[in-house]
Amino acid sequence: MFAPHTQTANTLTINIILAFMEHWGVLTYYCAITLTIVAYLLGSIPSAVWIGKKYYGIDIREHGSKNAGTTNMLRVLGKRAAIPVFIIDFFKGFVAVTLMFLMRFDPEINQAWEINLRIIATIAVVLGHIFPIFANFKGGKGVATLVGAMTGIYPPIMLLVFGVWLFVFMIWHYVSLASIVAGCCFPIFVLIFSTMTYNPAAPFVSIPFIVFSWIIAILLILTHRKNIDRLRSGTESKILIWPTAKKE
């Protein structure tokens, strides 16, 4: 008996989207699509793969957890290899979202679509990291790239998320656990921030980002399923940063 209501809601959503886009010109579409492609190409820069092959003579995807990311680089090759990988992956996301800020100068882009385009850029750059065209579409999980992209959208929120990540990591020394907990806190912080900055004149501006944040949290848990299994079985590797700490 809820079908009519569901159809009405879907129709309303489609009409809202069309209303936002109906006045877009060819140049607006061209710029939005081009920047999205650029975001994907930035994400496709396989820093872990290239650094591993260039300076260490190995394909990081064949060692450790077989993940082309910062954590696996740290475990397999150490800090000197992991730090530049994290910096590059972080700035891939940050630059991709920052470039999309150029769309705000287009008079046909309203505030709601400005947020939507940043989200689209985030999705594109993370997909580029996970499925890099420059590395046979086999990349990493995209956590560092996602953090960079989210920092480009809402730096205060990511500062809080990083605080949670650092606290969990310093206590338990599991990167995966810290990432999962911080990722689950992310949509909560977004919801709080959106409530504090609610604008009655534009009530739908924050909704896409709120929904996106919950999707990110769910996907983060799904991509860390193996880590969760290892955490439950006690076989997950710790990363100890204190000189006096002893590995268990």
C-alpha atoms as a PDB file:
ATOM      1  CA  MET A   1       0.000   0.000   0.000  1.00  0.00           C
ATOM      2  CA  PHE A   2       3.092   2.224   0.135  1.00  0.00           C
ATOM      3  CA  ALA A   3       3.741   1.961  -3.608  1.00  0.00           C
ATOM      4  CA  PRO A   4       1.958   5.231  -4.583  1.00  0.00           C
ATOM      5  CA  HIS A   5       3.917   7.131  -1.966  1.00  0.00           C
ATOM      6  CA  THR A   6       7.171   5.571  -3.143  1.00  0.00           C
ATOM      7  CA  GLN A   7       6.433   6.462  -6.758  1.00  0.00           C
ATOM      8  CA  THR A   8       5.577  10.002  -5.742  1.00  0.00           C
ATOM      9  CA  ALA A   9       8.847  10.339  -3.800  1.00  0.00           C
ATOM     10  CA  ASN A  10      10.854   8.966  -6.738  1.00  0.00           C
ATOM     11  CA  THR A  11       9.106  11.294  -9.157  1.00  0.00           C
ATOM     12  CA  LEU A  12       9.773  14.267  -6.880  1.00  0.00           C
ATOM     13  CA  THR A  13      13.476  13.340  -6.606  1.00  0.00           C
ATOM     14  CA  ILE A  14      13.827  13.050 -10.379  1.00  0.00           C
ATOM     15  CA  ASN A  15      12.034  16.356 -10.897  1.00  0.00           C
ATOM     16  CA  ILE A  16      14.354  18.085  -8.403  1.00  0.00           C
ATOM     17  CA  ILE A  17      17.441  16.731 -10.176  1.00  0.00           C
ATOM     18  CA  LEU A  18      16.107  17.738 -13.579  1.00  0.00           C
ATOM     19  CA  ALA A  19      15.213  21.171 -12.253  1.00  0.00           C
ATOM     20  CA  PHE A  20      18.813  21.647 -11.109  1.00  0.00           C
ATOM     21  CA  MET A  21      20.260  20.508 -14.415  1.00  0.00           C
ATOM     22  CA  GLU A  22      17.774  21.790 -16.980  1.00  0.00           C
ATOM     23  CA  HIS A  23      19.555  25.140 -17.351  1.00  0.00           C
ATOM     24  CA  TRP A  24      23.035  23.686 -17.733  1.00  0.00           C
ATOM     25  CA  GLY A  25      24.722  24.607 -20.958  1.00  0.00           C
ATOM     26  CA  VAL A  26      27.087  22.518 -23.078  1.00  0.00           C
ATOM     27  CA  LEU A  27      30.142  24.194 -21.554  1.00  0.00           C
ATOM     28  CA  THR A  28      28.946  23.366 -18.015  1.00  0.00           C
ATOM     29  CA  TYR A  29      28.498  19.694 -18.894  1.00  0.00           C
ATOM     30  CA  TYR A  30      31.876  19.659 -20.645  1.00  0.00           C
ATOM     31  CA  CYS A  31      33.697  21.156 -17.655  1.00  0.00           C
ATOM     32  CA  ALA A  32      31.965  18.885 -15.123  1.00  0.00           C
ATOM     33  CA  ILE A  33      32.666  15.733 -17.145  1.00  0.00           C
ATOM     34  CA  THR A  34      36.269  16.782 -17.877  1.00  0.00           C
ATOM     35  CA  LEU A  35      37.034  17.466 -14.212  1.00  0.00           C
ATOM     36  CA  THR A  36      35.483  14.122 -13.267  1.00  0.00           C
ATOM     37  CA  ILE A  37      37.740  12.341 -15.768  1.00  0.00           C
ATOM     38  CA  VAL A  38      40.739  14.281 -14.428  1.00  0.00           C
ATOM     39  CA  ALA A  39      39.783  13.166 -10.909  1.00  0.00           C
ATOM     40  CA  TYR A  40      39.748   9.520 -12.017  1.00  0.00           C
ATOM     41  CA  LEU A  41      43.123   9.888 -13.756  1.00  0.00           C
ATOM     42  CA  LEU A  42      44.612  11.493 -10.642  1.00  0.00           C
ATOM     43  CA  GLY A  43      43.317   8.586  -8.581  1.00  0.00           C
ATOM     44  CA  SER A  44      44.839   6.169 -11.073  1.00  0.00           C
ATOM     45  CA  ILE A  45      48.382   7.294 -10.235  1.00  0.00           C
ATOM     46  CA  PRO A  46      49.600   4.049  -8.561  1.00  0.00           C
ATOM     47  CA  SER A  47      52.128   5.550  -6.175  1.00  0.00           C
ATOM     48  CA  ALA A  48      52.662   2.354  -4.170  1.00  0.00           C
ATOM     49  CA  VAL A  49      53.146   0.261  -7.302  1.00  0.00           C
ATOM     50  CA  TRP A  50      55.513   2.695  -8.984  1.00  0.00           C
ATOM     51  CA  ILE A  51      57.616   3.393  -5.887  1.00  0.00           C
ATOM     52  CA  GLY A  52      57.814  -0.311  -5.074  1.00  0.00           C
ATOM     53  CA  LYS A  53      59.006  -1.195  -8.573  1.00  0.00           C
ATOM     54  CA  LYS A  54      61.273   1.819  -9.107  1.00  0.00           C
ATOM     55  CA  TYR A  55      63.153   1.871  -5.791  1.00  0.00           C
ATOM     56  CA  TYR A  56      62.702  -1.627  -4.327  1.00  0.00           C
ATOM     57  CA  GLY A  57      62.308  -3.835  -7.372  1.00  0.00           C
ATOM     58  CA  ILE A  58      59.046  -5.409  -6.211  1.00  0.00           C
ATOM     59  CA  ASP A  59      55.346  -5.205  -7.021  1.00  0.00           C
ATOM     60  CA  ILE A  60      53.748  -4.439  -3.655  1.00  0.00           C
ATOM     61  CA  ARG A  61      50.564  -6.151  -4.856  1.00  0.00           C
ATOM     62  CA  GLU A  62      52.403  -9.468  -4.644  1.00  0.00           C
ATOM     63  CA  HIS A  63      53.534  -9.079  -1.037  1.00  0.00           C
ATOM     64  CA  GLY A  64      51.981  -8.732   2.410  1.00  0.00           C
ATOM     65  CA  SER A  65      48.261  -8.092   2.209  1.00  0.00           C
ATOM     66  CA  LYS A  66      48.679  -7.546  -1.557  1.00  0.00           C
ATOM     67  CA  ASN A  67      47.118  -4.109  -1.159  1.00  0.00           C
ATOM     68  CA  ALA A  68      48.706  -1.185  -3.004  1.00  0.00           C
ATOM     69  CA  GLY A  69      48.413   1.228  -0.125  1.00  0.00           C
ATOM     70  CA  THR A  70      50.263   2.961   2.692  1.00  0.00           C
ATOM     71  CA  THR A  71      49.748   0.305   5.363  1.00  0.00           C
ATOM     72  CA  ASN A  72      51.037  -2.559   3.244  1.00  0.00           C
ATOM     73  CA  MET A  73      53.998  -0.456   2.137  1.00  0.00           C
ATOM     74  CA  LEU A  74      54.780   0.243   5.784  1.00  0.00           C
ATOM     75  CA  ARG A  75      54.647  -3.423   6.729  1.00  0.00           C
ATOM     76  CA  VAL A  76      56.620  -4.691   3.754  1.00  0.00           C
ATOM     77  CA  LEU A  77      59.074  -1.898   2.938  1.00  0.00           C
ATOM     78  CA  GLY A  78      59.082   0.397   5.960  1.00  0.00           C
ATOM     79  CA  LYS A  79      58.516   4.083   6.693  1.00  0.00           C
ATOM     80  CA  ARG A  80      60.722   5.461   3.921  1.00  0.00           C
ATOM     81  CA  ALA A  81      58.497   3.794   1.352  1.00  0.00           C
ATOM     82  CA  ALA A  82      55.173   4.337   3.126  1.00  0.00           C
ATOM     83  CA  ILE A  83      55.415   8.081   3.830  1.00  0.00           C
ATOM     84  CA  PRO A  84      55.703   9.258   0.202  1.00  0.00           C
ATOM     85  CA  VAL A  85      52.927   6.851  -0.792  1.00  0.00           C
ATOM     86  CA  PHE A  86      50.598   8.325   1.808  1.00  0.00           C
ATOM     87  CA  ILE A  87      51.467  11.906   0.796  1.00  0.00           C
ATOM     88  CA  ILE A  88      50.868  11.237  -2.890  1.00  0.00           C
ATOM     89  CA  ASP A  89      47.634   9.307  -2.299  1.00  0.00           C
ATOM     90  CA  PHE A  90      46.347  11.989   0.081  1.00  0.00           C
ATOM     91  CA  PHE A  91      47.006  14.818  -2.353  1.00  0.00           C
ATOM     92  CA  LYS A  92      45.452  12.884  -5.242  1.00  0.00           C
ATOM     93  CA  GLY A  93      42.118  13.148  -3.453  1.00  0.00           C
ATOM     94  CA  PHE A  94      42.694  16.691  -2.225  1.00  0.00           C
ATOM     95  CA  VAL A  95      43.641  18.032  -5.660  1.00  0.00           C
ATOM     96  CA  ALA A  96      40.760  16.236  -7.409  1.00  0.00           C
ATOM     97  CA  VAL A  97      38.183  17.872  -5.127  1.00  0.00           C
ATOM     98  CA  THR A  98      39.942  21.245  -5.168  1.00  0.00           C
ATOM     99  CA  LEU A  99      39.867  21.317  -8.972  1.00  0.00           C
ATOM    100  CA  MET A 100      36.120  20.718  -8.874  1.00  0.00           C
ATOM    101  CA  PHE A 101      35.844  23.958  -6.862  1.00  0.00           C
ATOM    102  CA  LEU A 102      36.375  25.726 -10.195  1.00  0.00           C
ATOM    103  CA  MET A 103      32.759  24.881 -11.027  1.00  0.00           C
ATOM    104  CA  ARG A 104      31.571  27.384  -8.429  1.00  0.00           C
ATOM    105  CA  PHE A 105      32.502  30.163 -10.877  1.00  0.00           C
ATOM    106  CA  ASP A 106      29.955  28.805 -13.347  1.00  0.00           C
ATOM    107  CA  PRO A 107      26.723  30.800 -12.849  1.00  0.00           C
ATOM    108  CA  GLU A 108      24.697  27.725 -13.804  1.00  0.00           C
ATOM    109  CA  ILE A 109      25.982  25.735 -10.802  1.00  0.00           C
ATOM    110  CA  ASN A 110      23.979  26.309  -7.631  1.00  0.00           C
ATOM    111  CA  GLN A 111      25.058  25.526  -4.073  1.00  0.00           C
ATOM    112  CA  ALA A 112      23.502  22.062  -4.050  1.00  0.00           C
ATOM    113  CA  TRP A 113      25.234  20.996  -7.264  1.00  0.00           C
ATOM    114  CA  GLU A 114      28.519  22.410  -6.037  1.00  0.00           C
ATOM    115  CA  ILE A 115      28.405  19.873  -3.192  1.00  0.00           C
ATOM    116  CA  ASN A 116      27.227  17.135  -5.543  1.00  0.00           C
ATOM    117  CA  LEU A 117      30.098  17.741  -7.956  1.00  0.00           C
ATOM    118  CA  ARG A 118      32.630  17.534  -5.130  1.00  0.00           C
ATOM    119  CA  ILE A 119      31.103  14.195  -4.129  1.00  0.00           C
ATOM    120  CA  ILE A 120      31.288  13.015  -7.745  1.00  0.00           C
ATOM    121  CA  ALA A 121      34.967  14.017  -7.855  1.00  0.00           C
ATOM    122  CA  THR A 122      35.553  12.080  -4.627  1.00  0.00           C
ATOM    123  CA  ILE A 123      33.924   8.967  -6.068  1.00  0.00           C
ATOM    124  CA  ALA A 124      35.941   9.307  -9.281  1.00  0.00           C
ATOM    125  CA  VAL A 125      39.324   9.746  -7.584  1.00  0.00           C
ATOM    126  CA  VAL A 126      38.730   6.859  -5.163  1.00  0.00           C
ATOM    127  CA  LEU A 127      37.589   4.593  -8.000  1.00  0.00           C
ATOM    128  CA  GLY A 128      40.742   5.597  -9.838  1.00  0.00           C
ATOM    129  CA  HIS A 129      42.823   4.481  -6.860  1.00  0.00           C
ATOM    130  CA  ILE A 130      40.963   1.183  -6.504  1.00  0.00           C
ATOM    131  CA  PHE A 131      40.873   0.512 -10.270  1.00  0.00           C
ATOM    132  CA  PRO A 132      43.859   2.443 -11.687  1.00  0.00           C
ATOM    133  CA  ILE A 133      44.043   2.574 -15.460  1.00  0.00           C
ATOM    134  CA  PHE A 134      47.836   2.924 -15.175  1.00  0.00           C
ATOM    135  CA  ALA A 135      48.231  -0.308 -13.172  1.00  0.00           C
ATOM    136  CA  ASN A 136      45.961  -2.838 -14.873  1.00  0.00           C
ATOM    137  CA  PHE A 137      42.970  -1.739 -12.754  1.00  0.00           C
ATOM    138  CA  LYS A 138      44.402  -3.346  -9.637  1.00  0.00           C
ATOM    139  CA  GLY A 139      45.033  -0.813  -6.871  1.00  0.00           C
ATOM    140  CA  GLY A 140      44.444  -0.269  -3.178  1.00  0.00           C
ATOM    141  CA  LYS A 141      41.515   0.407  -0.879  1.00  0.00           C
ATOM    142  CA  GLY A 142      41.650   4.167  -1.332  1.00  0.00           C
ATOM    143  CA  VAL A 143      41.546   5.220   2.320  1.00  0.00           C
ATOM    144  CA  ALA A 144      44.322   7.829   2.072  1.00  0.00           C
ATOM    145  CA  THR A 145      42.852   9.188  -1.157  1.00  0.00           C
ATOM    146  CA  LEU A 146      39.409   9.386   0.434  1.00  0.00           C
ATOM    147  CA  VAL A 147      40.838  11.236   3.428  1.00  0.00           C
ATOM    148  CA  GLY A 148      42.466  13.739   1.090  1.00  0.00           C
ATOM    149  CA  ALA A 149      39.234  14.271  -0.821  1.00  0.00           C
ATOM    150  CA  MET A 150      37.173  14.710   2.324  1.00  0.00           C
ATOM    151  CA  THR A 151      39.752  17.159   3.669  1.00  0.00           C
ATOM    152  CA  GLY A 152      39.228  19.177   0.513  1.00  0.00           C
ATOM    153  CA  ILE A 153      35.480  19.305   1.181  1.00  0.00           C
ATOM    154  CA  TYR A 154      35.229  19.778   4.972  1.00  0.00           C
ATOM    155  CA  PRO A 155      38.624  20.132   6.730  1.00  0.00           C
ATOM    156  CA  PRO A 156      37.155  20.534  10.281  1.00  0.00           C
ATOM    157  CA  ILE A 157      35.310  17.229  10.004  1.00  0.00           C
ATOM    158  CA  MET A 158      38.386  15.394   8.785  1.00  0.00           C
ATOM    159  CA  LEU A 159      40.406  16.890  11.630  1.00  0.00           C
ATOM    160  CA  LEU A 160      37.955  15.288  14.064  1.00  0.00           C
ATOM    161  CA  VAL A 161      38.080  12.010  12.147  1.00  0.00           C
ATOM    162  CA  PHE A 162      41.880  12.054  12.214  1.00  0.00           C
ATOM    163  CA  GLY A 163      41.755  12.681  15.970  1.00  0.00           C
ATOM    164  CA  VAL A 164      39.633   9.543  16.397  1.00  0.00           C
ATOM    165  CA  TRP A 165      41.942   7.566  14.111  1.00  0.00           C
ATOM    166  CA  LEU A 166      45.050   8.689  16.003  1.00  0.00           C
ATOM    167  CA  PHE A 167      43.516   7.940  19.404  1.00  0.00           C
ATOM    168  CA  VAL A 168      42.502   4.389  18.429  1.00  0.00           C
ATOM    169  CA  PHE A 169      45.828   3.719  16.716  1.00  0.00           C
ATOM    170  CA  MET A 170      47.915   4.986  19.642  1.00  0.00           C
ATOM    171  CA  ILE A 171      45.986   2.783  22.078  1.00  0.00           C
ATOM    172  CA  TRP A 172      45.690  -0.460  20.108  1.00  0.00           C
ATOM    173  CA  HIS A 173      48.300  -0.062  17.311  1.00  0.00           C
ATOM    174  CA  TYR A 174      46.027  -1.474  14.602  1.00  0.00           C
ATOM    175  CA  VAL A 175      45.788   0.684  11.470  1.00  0.00           C
ATOM    176  CA  SER A 176      42.765  -1.265  10.247  1.00  0.00           C
ATOM    177  CA  LEU A 177      40.897  -0.867  13.540  1.00  0.00           C
ATOM    178  CA  ALA A 178      41.683   2.846  13.639  1.00  0.00           C
ATOM    179  CA  SER A 179      40.460   3.260  10.055  1.00  0.00           C
ATOM    180  CA  ILE A 180      37.225   1.367  10.721  1.00  0.00           C
ATOM    181  CA  VAL A 181      36.395   3.275  13.908  1.00  0.00           C
ATOM    182  CA  ALA A 182      37.271   6.647  12.364  1.00  0.00           C
ATOM    183  CA  GLY A 183      35.248   5.777   9.265  1.00  0.00           C
ATOM    184  CA  CYS A 184      32.213   4.906  11.369  1.00  0.00           C
ATOM    185  CA  CYS A 185      32.540   8.226  13.228  1.00  0.00           C
ATOM    186  CA  PHE A 186      32.693  10.143   9.950  1.00  0.00           C
ATOM    187  CA  PRO A 187      28.926  10.140   9.148  1.00  0.00           C
ATOM    188  CA  ILE A 188      28.145  11.043  12.764  1.00  0.00           C
ATOM    189  CA  PHE A 189      30.393  14.101  12.553  1.00  0.00           C
ATOM    190  CA  VAL A 190      28.871  15.014   9.178  1.00  0.00           C
ATOM    191  CA  LEU A 191      25.373  14.763  10.626  1.00  0.00           C
ATOM    192  CA  ILE A 192      26.306  16.955  13.593  1.00  0.00           C
ATOM    193  CA  PHE A 193      28.040  19.488  11.358  1.00  0.00           C
ATOM    194  CA  SER A 194      25.087  19.575   8.941  1.00  0.00           C
ATOM    195  CA  THR A 195      22.680  20.163  11.824  1.00  0.00           C
ATOM    196  CA  MET A 196      24.793  23.037  13.128  1.00  0.00           C
ATOM    197  CA  THR A 197      25.024  24.666   9.691  1.00  0.00           C
ATOM    198  CA  TYR A 198      21.446  23.956   8.583  1.00  0.00           C
ATOM    199  CA  ASN A 199      20.079  26.576   6.203  1.00  0.00           C
ATOM    200  CA  PRO A 200      16.244  26.737   5.987  1.00  0.00           C
ATOM    201  CA  ALA A 201      16.549  28.464   2.622  1.00  0.00           C
ATOM    202  CA  ALA A 202      18.447  25.484   1.176  1.00  0.00           C
ATOM    203  CA  PRO A 203      17.311  22.420   3.171  1.00  0.00           C
ATOM    204  CA  PHE A 204      18.573  19.846   0.650  1.00  0.00           C
ATOM    205  CA  VAL A 205      22.152  21.101   0.310  1.00  0.00           C
ATOM    206  CA  SER A 206      23.581  18.832   3.036  1.00  0.00           C
ATOM    207  CA  ILE A 207      21.509  15.720   2.286  1.00  0.00           C
ATOM    208  CA  PRO A 208      23.764  14.296  -0.489  1.00  0.00           C
ATOM    209  CA  PHE A 209      26.856  14.625   1.691  1.00  0.00           C
ATOM    210  CA  ILE A 210      25.088  13.023   4.672  1.00  0.00           C
ATOM    211  CA  VAL A 211      23.982  10.065   2.539  1.00  0.00           C
ATOM    212  CA  PHE A 212      27.432   9.837   0.965  1.00  0.00           C
ATOM    213  CA  SER A 213      29.125   9.770   4.376  1.00  0.00           C
ATOM    214  CA  TRP A 214      27.023   6.787   5.485  1.00  0.00           C
ATOM    215  CA  ILE A 215      27.763   4.969   2.226  1.00  0.00           C
ATOM    216  CA  ILE A 216      31.488   5.576   2.795  1.00  0.00           C
ATOM    217  CA  ALA A 217      31.271   4.152   6.320  1.00  0.00           C
ATOM    218  CA  ILE A 218      29.502   1.020   5.063  1.00  0.00           C
ATOM    219  CA  LEU A 219      31.941   0.526   2.183  1.00  0.00           C
ATOM    220  CA  LEU A 220      34.876   1.020   4.532  1.00  0.00           C
ATOM    221  CA  ILE A 221      33.619  -1.824   6.701  1.00  0.00           C
ATOM    222  CA  LEU A 222      33.026  -4.039   3.658  1.00  0.00           C
ATOM    223  CA  THR A 223      36.512  -3.420   2.252  1.00  0.00           C
ATOM    224  CA  HIS A 224      38.041  -4.278   5.632  1.00  0.00           C
ATOM    225  CA  ARG A 225      36.198  -7.597   6.062  1.00  0.00           C
ATOM    226  CA  LYS A 226      39.428  -9.607   6.042  1.00  0.00           C
ATOM    227  CA  ASN A 227      40.974  -7.225   8.554  1.00  0.00           C
ATOM    228  CA  ILE A 228      37.945  -7.624  10.804  1.00  0.00           C
ATOM    229  CA  ASP A 229      38.295 -11.404  10.627  1.00  0.00           C
ATOM    230  CA  ARG A 230      41.975 -11.132  11.546  1.00  0.00           C
ATOM    231  CA  LEU A 231      41.175  -8.736  14.401  1.00  0.00           C
ATOM    232  CA  ARG A 232      38.632 -11.207  15.784  1.00  0.00           C
ATOM    233  CA  SER A 233      41.086 -14.099  15.505  1.00  0.00           C
ATOM    234  CA  GLY A 234      43.967 -12.070  16.930  1.00  0.00           C
ATOM    235  CA  THR A 235      46.133 -12.454  13.820  1.00  0.00           C
ATOM    236  CA  GLU A 236      46.035  -8.852  12.587  1.00  0.00           C
ATOM    237  CA  SER A 237      49.489  -7.250  12.469  1.00  0.00           C
ATOM    238  CA  LYS A 238      50.233  -4.385  14.828  1.00  0.00           C
ATOM    239  CA  ILE A 239      52.309  -1.363  13.945  1.00  0.00           C
ATOM    240  CA  LEU A 240      54.207  -0.138  16.989  1.00  0.00           C
ATOM    241  CA  ILE A 241      55.452   3.447  16.926  1.00  0.00           C
ATOM    242  CA  TRP A 242      56.885   3.772  20.429  1.00  0.00           C
ATOM    243  CA  PRO A 243      60.561   2.754  20.768  1.00  0.00           C
ATOM    244  CA  THR A 244      59.825   1.131  24.136  1.00  0.00           C
ATOM    245  CA  ALA A 245      56.836  -0.849  22.878  1.00  0.00           C
ATOM    246  CA  LYS A 246      57.301  -4.573  22.489  1.00  0.00           C
ATOM    247  CA  LYS A 247      55.602  -6.483  19.761  1.00  0.00           C
ATOM    248  CA  GLU A 248      53.258  -9.135  21.045  1.00  0.00           C
END
